[in-house]
Protein backbone atom coordinates (compact mmCIF):
# COMPACT_ATOMS: atom_id res chain seq x y z
CA MET A 1 29.32 39.49 24.60
CA THR A 2 28.52 35.79 25.00
CA ASP A 3 27.24 33.68 22.15
CA LEU A 4 23.52 33.03 22.07
CA SER A 5 21.95 29.60 21.79
CA PRO A 6 20.68 28.78 18.30
CA ALA A 7 17.08 29.30 19.50
CA ALA A 8 17.82 32.70 21.02
CA GLN A 9 19.84 33.72 17.96
CA SER A 10 16.90 32.79 15.71
CA VAL A 11 14.57 35.08 17.70
CA MET A 12 17.14 37.90 17.66
CA ASP A 13 17.66 37.51 13.90
CA ALA A 14 13.91 37.64 13.27
CA ALA A 15 13.55 40.82 15.33
CA PHE A 16 16.52 42.54 13.68
CA SER A 17 15.36 41.59 10.19
CA VAL A 18 12.27 43.73 10.79
CA TYR A 19 14.20 46.38 12.73
CA ASP A 20 16.59 46.94 9.82
CA CYS A 21 13.96 46.90 7.05
CA GLU A 22 14.04 50.30 5.33
CA ALA A 23 10.54 49.84 3.90
CA LEU A 24 9.17 50.12 7.43
CA TYR A 25 10.52 53.61 8.10
CA SER A 26 7.24 55.11 6.89
CA LEU A 27 5.40 53.46 9.79
CA THR A 28 4.86 55.04 13.17
CA GLU A 29 7.26 54.09 15.93
CA GLU A 30 4.52 52.00 17.60
CA GLN A 31 3.72 50.13 14.37
CA HIS A 32 7.39 49.41 13.75
CA ALA A 33 7.91 48.22 17.33
CA SER A 34 4.83 46.03 17.04
CA MET A 35 6.21 44.38 13.89
CA ILE A 36 9.51 43.67 15.67
CA VAL A 37 7.66 42.05 18.57
CA VAL A 38 5.49 40.02 16.18
CA ALA A 39 8.54 38.71 14.33
CA ALA A 40 10.22 37.77 17.61
CA LEU A 41 7.09 36.00 18.92
CA ARG A 42 6.66 34.01 15.72
CA ALA A 43 10.32 32.97 15.80
CA ALA A 44 10.02 32.04 19.48
CA ALA A 45 6.95 29.89 18.71
CA ASP A 46 8.95 28.12 15.99
CA GLN A 47 11.82 27.48 18.41
CA VAL A 48 9.85 26.50 21.50
CA VAL A 49 6.92 24.67 19.89
CA PRO A 50 7.91 23.68 16.36
CA LEU A 51 5.42 22.09 14.04
CA PRO A 52 5.09 18.39 14.85
CA LEU A 53 7.05 15.70 13.12
CA GLY A 54 5.53 12.38 12.19
CA PHE A 55 5.26 10.45 15.44
CA PRO A 56 3.61 7.07 15.81
CA CYS A 57 0.26 7.94 17.34
CA ASN A 58 -1.14 6.69 20.59
CA ARG A 59 -3.30 8.32 23.25
CA TRP A 60 -0.34 9.82 25.13
CA ILE A 61 1.34 11.22 22.01
CA ASN A 62 -1.95 12.67 20.77
CA GLY A 63 -2.48 14.46 24.11
CA TYR A 64 1.11 15.67 24.19
CA LEU A 65 0.97 17.00 20.63
CA SER A 66 -2.40 18.62 21.30
CA ALA A 67 -1.02 20.46 24.34
CA ARG A 68 2.04 21.63 22.37
CA GLN A 69 -0.08 22.86 19.48
CA ASN A 70 -2.39 24.65 21.92
CA THR A 71 0.61 26.47 23.36
CA ARG A 72 1.87 27.32 19.86
CA ALA A 73 -1.58 28.58 18.85
CA LYS A 74 -1.75 30.85 21.91
CA ILE A 75 1.67 32.36 21.17
CA LEU A 76 0.76 32.89 17.51
CA ALA A 77 -2.62 34.38 18.53
CA ILE A 78 -0.76 37.03 20.53
CA ALA A 79 1.42 37.76 17.49
CA THR A 80 -1.65 38.00 15.23
CA GLU A 81 -3.43 40.31 17.67
CA LEU A 82 -0.39 42.60 17.79
CA GLU A 83 -0.08 42.44 14.02
CA ASN A 84 -3.70 43.51 13.55
CA HIS A 85 -3.60 46.21 16.24
CA GLN A 86 -3.83 49.68 14.77
């Protein structure tokens, strides 16, 4: 098996941390699977669109950061929807 990139490994670790959690065995299979997906999506959002660092602001940077945060918000909205799905 080939080594994963640090970003891919982070997503895999997040998914397996929920997969291996014994406290979740009382959940239905669908609930448990949903929690695994949510953990992976949140980790992917952190890897692909991390929270912004302190950049000097200008019009271009503000637009760029706004677009990135919009993408992050959409990914996290999917995770939240799955998390709240019953």
